[in-house]
Amino acid sequence: MRISVIINNYNYSKYIIAALRSVENQTLKAHEVIIVDDGSSDNSLEILRDFCTKKENFTIIAQENQGQLSAILNGILASEGDLICLLDADDEYEVNHLELVLNTFRDHPHVGMRFCDVQEIGKKTSTSRFVPYHGDLGKTAMLTYLTADFTGNVTSSLAFKSDTLRKLVPFLKTFEPDWFTRADNCLIWASSLAGFCFFNAQDASVKYRVHGNNLFSGATEDPRQRWDYIVKREWFIQKISTDVRFSPASLKWLYREYETSCIKKPARFKKYRRAIFSFRNPHPWNKKVSLLFKLIFSHLRK
């Protein structure tokens, strides 16, 4: 399987060389590396052009400033690989990251999206994860639809099967003006609602840089910004659900989804317990309680 690495950059001239070197030095070489510069006002393009000279599999796309989601989607459209790995220009891969990605998709051919733990570097030095359990997570569409759950990790940890991901690009293109940052949220929610099976790898093979100038991480949100984000998130999930024709007809679907993964960790059980009683769910309380007991028995059985 051929791997395409898509790097999105905006004014990260200070870090872009480290990102490029981390891709160039992989134990498994990428089929192509596509760098999308999103209208940087620093000397990023000069650095990129100098670095990529005489590198046949490195391609630069320069666009006007349209945001992170736009940069990633344009990189996807330009790619040829069977697998797509994303990388923010201020982050880095461990030397064996692409090899680990390929192994996951080979060993689990039904998986559509992979993510992994990340090492925080820079101002913070720790291992970061949003999902505290690892392995084949199965499908997560109901969980996303009912609770807006973020089943994934930062942009640079994400990898996809390209044939399924490309089908989502036309839908995601309509959201570009609203998502200058947090493109990872859009990609994860859309992939979930489209029925991708997810895999969370425990290997922390991505270095996520926290430096104070991150476009999102570490940024302070006031209550109004937080509320704007929640409204935008809810609108996105409802609209994408319609676009990909996901419309849960029965509460039973939640239980069936829970059973698509052999992982029965308490943290995962709690997420599905919360989903049962979500405000979006119109079913009577007795059916919700009945399903809760069914989940409990399933959780204990495994």
Protein backbone atom coordinates (compact mmCIF):
# COMPACT_ATOMS: atom_id res chain seq x y z
CA MET A 1 0.00 0.00 0.00
CA ARG A 2 1.30 3.43 -0.99
CA ILE A 3 1.34 6.12 1.69
CA SER A 4 0.73 9.80 1.04
CA VAL A 5 1.79 12.24 3.75
CA ILE A 6 -0.04 15.57 3.74
CA ILE A 7 1.55 18.42 5.69
CA ASN A 8 -0.44 21.60 6.29
CA ASN A 9 1.54 24.75 7.07
CA TYR A 10 0.71 28.28 8.11
CA ASN A 11 3.54 30.53 9.33
CA TYR A 12 5.53 27.68 10.85
CA SER A 13 8.85 28.42 9.16
CA LYS A 14 10.54 27.87 12.53
CA TYR A 15 9.44 24.24 12.70
CA ILE A 16 8.76 23.09 9.13
CA ILE A 17 12.25 21.68 8.46
CA ALA A 18 12.03 19.38 11.50
CA ALA A 19 8.66 18.12 10.27
CA LEU A 20 10.01 17.46 6.78
CA ARG A 21 13.12 15.71 8.09
CA SER A 22 10.95 13.45 10.27
CA VAL A 23 9.06 12.32 7.16
CA GLU A 24 12.16 12.02 4.98
CA ASN A 25 13.95 9.82 7.53
CA GLN A 26 11.18 7.22 7.96
CA THR A 27 12.11 3.54 7.97
CA LEU A 28 9.27 3.10 5.47
CA LYS A 29 9.43 5.76 2.78
CA ALA A 30 6.29 7.63 1.75
CA HIS A 31 5.08 7.31 -1.81
CA GLU A 32 4.60 11.08 -1.85
CA VAL A 33 4.77 14.05 0.50
CA ILE A 34 2.38 16.92 -0.23
CA ILE A 35 2.96 20.19 1.61
CA VAL A 36 0.07 22.66 1.47
CA ASP A 37 1.08 26.19 2.47
CA ASP A 38 -2.01 28.10 3.55
CA GLY A 39 -0.96 31.61 2.54
CA SER A 40 1.91 31.98 5.02
CA SER A 41 3.17 35.53 5.54
CA ASP A 42 6.58 34.42 6.86
CA ASN A 43 9.36 32.81 4.78
CA SER A 44 7.81 29.33 4.85
CA LEU A 45 7.48 29.04 1.07
CA GLU A 46 11.12 30.01 0.53
CA ILE A 47 12.22 27.35 3.00
CA LEU A 48 9.92 24.74 1.46
CA ARG A 49 11.11 25.40 -2.09
CA ASP A 50 14.73 25.22 -1.04
CA PHE A 51 14.20 21.95 0.85
CA CYS A 52 12.12 20.25 -1.84
CA THR A 53 14.48 21.01 -4.71
CA LYS A 54 15.49 17.73 -6.42
CA LYS A 55 13.13 15.69 -4.22
CA GLU A 56 10.84 14.03 -6.74
CA ASN A 57 8.23 12.78 -4.26
CA PHE A 58 7.85 16.14 -2.45
CA THR A 59 5.18 18.47 -3.84
CA ILE A 60 4.32 22.00 -2.70
CA ILE A 61 0.84 23.48 -3.06
CA ALA A 62 0.63 27.21 -2.32
CA GLN A 63 -2.85 28.59 -1.69
CA GLU A 64 -4.36 31.76 -0.29
CA ASN A 65 -5.14 31.69 3.42
CA GLN A 66 -8.29 29.56 3.68
CA GLY A 67 -7.72 27.67 6.91
CA GLN A 68 -6.48 24.29 8.07
CA LEU A 69 -9.44 22.27 6.84
CA SER A 70 -9.10 23.71 3.33
CA ALA A 71 -5.35 22.97 3.25
CA ILE A 72 -5.86 19.35 4.29
CA LEU A 73 -8.73 18.73 1.87
CA ASN A 74 -6.77 20.19 -1.06
CA GLY A 75 -3.87 17.94 -0.12
CA ILE A 76 -6.20 14.92 -0.09
CA LEU A 77 -7.53 15.80 -3.55
CA ALA A 78 -3.98 16.01 -4.90
CA SER A 79 -2.83 12.71 -3.36
CA GLU A 80 -2.45 9.30 -5.03
CA GLY A 81 -1.71 6.98 -2.10
CA ASP A 82 -3.80 4.13 -0.71
CA LEU A 83 -3.27 5.48 2.81
CA ILE A 84 -3.18 9.12 3.88
CA CYS A 85 -1.23 10.32 6.92
CA LEU A 86 -1.62 13.89 8.18
CA LEU A 87 1.03 16.06 9.79
CA ASP A 88 0.89 19.62 11.12
CA ALA A 89 3.99 21.59 10.15
CA ASP A 90 4.98 22.18 13.78
CA ASP A 91 4.86 18.47 14.69
CA GLU A 92 7.11 15.51 13.90
CA TYR A 93 6.93 11.75 13.33
CA GLU A 94 9.02 9.18 15.12
CA VAL A 95 11.25 7.37 12.64
CA ASN A 96 8.98 4.28 12.43
CA HIS A 97 5.58 6.03 12.35
CA LEU A 98 4.67 5.17 8.74
CA GLU A 99 5.73 1.57 9.27
CA LEU A 100 3.41 1.30 12.28
CA VAL A 101 0.56 2.87 10.32
CA LEU A 102 0.98 0.40 7.46
CA ASN A 103 1.06 -2.56 9.88
CA THR A 104 -2.24 -1.50 11.45
CA PHE A 105 -4.08 -1.29 8.13
CA ARG A 106 -2.59 -4.58 6.93
CA ASP A 107 -3.49 -6.41 10.14
CA HIS A 108 -6.96 -4.83 10.35
CA PRO A 109 -8.21 -4.41 6.76
CA HIS A 110 -11.69 -3.29 7.89
CA VAL A 111 -10.27 -0.21 9.67
CA GLY A 112 -10.87 3.13 7.94
CA MET A 113 -9.18 5.52 10.39
CA ARG A 114 -6.22 5.06 12.71
CA PHE A 115 -4.93 7.36 15.42
CA CYS A 116 -2.41 7.00 18.22
CA ASP A 117 -1.14 8.49 21.46
CA VAL A 118 1.23 11.44 21.02
CA GLN A 119 4.30 12.73 22.83
CA GLU A 120 3.98 16.37 23.80
CA ILE A 121 7.21 18.27 23.24
CA GLY A 122 8.20 21.90 23.69
CA LYS A 123 6.56 23.68 26.62
CA LYS A 124 5.02 20.36 27.75
CA THR A 125 6.63 16.93 27.86
CA SER A 126 4.13 14.14 28.41
CA THR A 127 2.08 11.51 26.60
CA SER A 128 -1.28 12.82 25.44
CA ARG A 129 -4.43 10.85 24.62
CA PHE A 130 -8.14 11.62 24.37
CA VAL A 131 -9.25 7.97 24.32
CA PRO A 132 -7.96 5.98 27.33
CA TYR A 133 -8.29 2.54 25.73
CA HIS A 134 -6.52 1.06 22.71
CA GLY A 135 -7.14 -1.38 19.90
CA ASP A 136 -9.96 -1.96 17.44
CA LEU A 137 -12.73 0.46 18.47
CA GLY A 138 -15.19 -0.73 15.85
CA LYS A 139 -17.79 1.78 14.66
CA THR A 140 -18.59 4.98 16.58
CA ALA A 141 -21.34 6.66 14.51
CA MET A 142 -24.08 6.41 17.15
CA LEU A 143 -21.74 7.69 19.85
CA THR A 144 -20.81 10.69 17.71
CA TYR A 145 -24.39 11.44 16.71
CA LEU A 146 -25.80 11.26 20.24
CA THR A 147 -22.99 12.83 22.28
CA ALA A 148 -20.60 14.59 19.84
CA ASP A 149 -17.86 12.37 21.28
CA PHE A 150 -14.31 13.07 20.08
CA THR A 151 -13.00 9.57 19.39
CA GLY A 152 -9.54 10.41 18.10
CA ASN A 153 -6.48 12.53 18.75
CA VAL A 154 -4.68 15.53 17.24
CA THR A 155 -4.35 16.02 13.47
CA SER A 156 -0.81 14.62 13.20
CA SER A 157 -1.88 11.29 14.70
CA LEU A 158 -4.54 10.63 12.05
CA ALA A 159 -4.26 8.17 9.16
CA PHE A 160 -6.98 7.06 6.74
CA LYS A 161 -7.76 4.72 3.91
CA SER A 162 -7.78 7.12 1.01
CA ASP A 163 -10.62 5.63 -1.05
CA THR A 164 -13.14 6.11 1.76
CA LEU A 165 -11.76 9.47 2.90
CA ARG A 166 -11.94 11.01 -0.58
CA LYS A 167 -15.69 10.34 -0.68
CA LEU A 168 -16.12 12.74 2.25
CA VAL A 169 -14.20 15.63 0.69
CA PRO A 170 -17.16 17.15 -1.24
CA PHE A 171 -19.22 17.26 1.97
CA LEU A 172 -16.39 18.68 4.05
CA LYS A 173 -15.57 21.35 1.46
CA THR A 174 -18.78 23.21 2.37
CA PHE A 175 -17.51 23.69 5.94
CA GLU A 176 -14.11 25.23 5.10
CA PRO A 177 -15.02 28.86 6.00
CA ASP A 178 -16.12 27.84 9.50
CA TRP A 179 -13.18 25.61 10.41
CA PHE A 180 -9.94 27.54 10.05
CA THR A 181 -8.67 25.50 13.02
CA ARG A 182 -9.67 22.18 14.59
CA ALA A 183 -9.82 20.40 11.25
CA ASP A 184 -9.15 17.16 13.13
CA ASN A 185 -12.59 17.46 14.75
CA CYS A 186 -14.30 17.64 11.35
CA LEU A 187 -12.36 14.72 9.91
CA ILE A 188 -12.99 12.51 12.94
CA TRP A 189 -16.72 13.26 13.26
CA ALA A 190 -17.34 12.90 9.51
CA SER A 191 -15.40 9.61 9.33
CA SER A 192 -17.33 8.29 12.32
CA LEU A 193 -20.74 9.21 10.90
CA ALA A 194 -19.76 7.74 7.52
CA GLY A 195 -19.29 4.37 9.22
CA PHE A 196 -15.49 4.08 9.38
CA CYS A 197 -14.11 1.57 11.86
CA PHE A 198 -11.55 3.23 14.15
CA PHE A 199 -8.30 1.91 15.60
CA ASN A 200 -6.44 3.54 18.51
CA ALA A 201 -2.75 2.57 18.60
CA GLN A 202 -0.87 2.73 21.89
CA ASP A 203 2.49 3.56 20.32
CA ALA A 204 3.17 7.28 20.78
CA SER A 205 4.89 7.67 17.41
CA VAL A 206 3.97 11.34 16.90
CA LYS A 207 5.64 14.33 18.52
CA TYR A 208 3.04 17.03 19.17
CA ARG A 209 4.68 20.38 19.74
CA VAL A 210 3.18 22.75 22.33
CA HIS A 211 4.85 26.13 21.91
CA GLY A 212 2.38 28.83 22.84
CA ASN A 213 1.67 29.83 19.24
CA ASN A 214 -0.41 26.77 18.38
CA LEU A 215 -3.52 27.75 16.46
CA PHE A 216 -5.63 25.84 18.98
CA SER A 217 -3.80 23.90 21.69
CA GLY A 218 -3.28 25.95 24.78
CA ALA A 219 -5.45 28.78 23.49
CA THR A 220 -7.71 30.36 26.08
CA GLU A 221 -11.39 30.41 25.14
CA ASP A 222 -13.79 32.80 26.81
CA PRO A 223 -17.37 31.58 27.44
CA ARG A 224 -18.61 33.17 24.21
CA GLN A 225 -15.96 31.42 22.12
CA ARG A 226 -16.77 28.13 23.82
CA TRP A 227 -20.46 28.55 23.11
CA ASP A 228 -19.76 29.46 19.48
CA TYR A 229 -17.74 26.26 19.17
CA ILE A 230 -20.54 24.14 20.66
CA VAL A 231 -23.10 25.61 18.27
CA LYS A 232 -20.75 25.08 15.32
CA ARG A 233 -20.07 21.51 16.45
CA GLU A 234 -23.77 20.64 16.75
CA TRP A 235 -24.55 22.14 13.36
CA PHE A 236 -21.67 20.26 11.76
CA ILE A 237 -22.73 16.88 13.18
CA GLN A 238 -26.37 17.35 12.21
CA LYS A 239 -25.50 18.53 8.70
CA ILE A 240 -22.92 15.82 8.00
CA SER A 241 -25.35 13.20 9.34
CA THR A 242 -27.81 14.33 6.70
CA ASP A 243 -25.17 14.51 3.95
CA VAL A 244 -23.93 10.96 4.52
CA ARG A 245 -27.51 9.76 5.12
CA PHE A 246 -26.95 8.65 8.68
CA SER A 247 -30.26 8.63 10.52
CA PRO A 248 -30.50 6.26 13.49
CA ALA A 249 -33.91 4.62 13.36
CA SER A 250 -33.70 2.65 16.57
CA LEU A 251 -32.11 2.77 20.00
CA LYS A 252 -31.05 -0.82 19.34
CA TRP A 253 -28.41 0.51 16.96
CA LEU A 254 -26.47 1.84 19.94
CA TYR A 255 -26.14 -1.64 21.43
CA ARG A 256 -25.19 -3.14 18.07
CA GLU A 257 -22.49 -0.51 17.67
CA TYR A 258 -21.15 -1.22 21.15
CA GLU A 259 -20.77 -4.86 20.12
CA THR A 260 -18.67 -4.00 17.02
CA SER A 261 -15.62 -3.74 19.29
CA CYS A 262 -14.28 -6.36 21.70
CA ILE A 263 -13.06 -3.53 23.95
CA LYS A 264 -15.20 -3.41 27.07
CA LYS A 265 -13.21 -0.98 29.19
CA PRO A 266 -15.11 1.00 31.88
CA ALA A 267 -14.34 4.31 30.13
CA ARG A 268 -15.94 3.08 26.90
CA PHE A 269 -18.96 1.68 28.76
CA LYS A 270 -19.50 5.07 30.43
CA LYS A 271 -19.58 6.82 27.05
CA TYR A 272 -22.33 4.51 25.78
CA ARG A 273 -24.23 4.76 29.05
CA ARG A 274 -24.23 8.53 28.61
CA ALA A 275 -25.41 8.15 25.00
CA ILE A 276 -28.48 6.19 26.11
CA PHE A 277 -29.77 9.15 28.06
CA SER A 278 -28.71 11.80 25.56
CA PHE A 279 -31.20 14.61 25.02
CA ARG A 280 -31.23 13.79 21.30
CA ASN A 281 -32.77 10.41 22.05
CA PRO A 282 -36.60 10.48 21.98
CA HIS A 283 -37.23 6.93 23.22
CA PRO A 284 -39.24 6.21 26.41
CA TRP A 285 -37.35 5.85 29.68
CA ASN A 286 -38.25 2.18 30.11
CA LYS A 287 -36.54 1.35 26.80
CA LYS A 288 -33.48 3.35 27.82
CA VAL A 289 -33.23 1.53 31.14
CA SER A 290 -33.69 -1.81 29.38
CA LEU A 291 -30.84 -0.99 27.00
CA LEU A 292 -28.67 0.13 29.90
CA PHE A 293 -29.00 -3.28 31.54
CA LYS A 294 -28.21 -4.92 28.22
CA LEU A 295 -25.00 -2.88 27.99
CA ILE A 296 -24.10 -3.77 31.58
CA PHE A 297 -24.48 -7.50 30.89
CA SER A 298 -22.43 -7.16 27.70
CA HIS A 299 -19.72 -5.26 29.56
CA LEU A 300 -19.53 -7.85 32.36
CA ARG A 301 -19.65 -10.78 29.94
CA LYS A 302 -16.40 -9.67 28.26
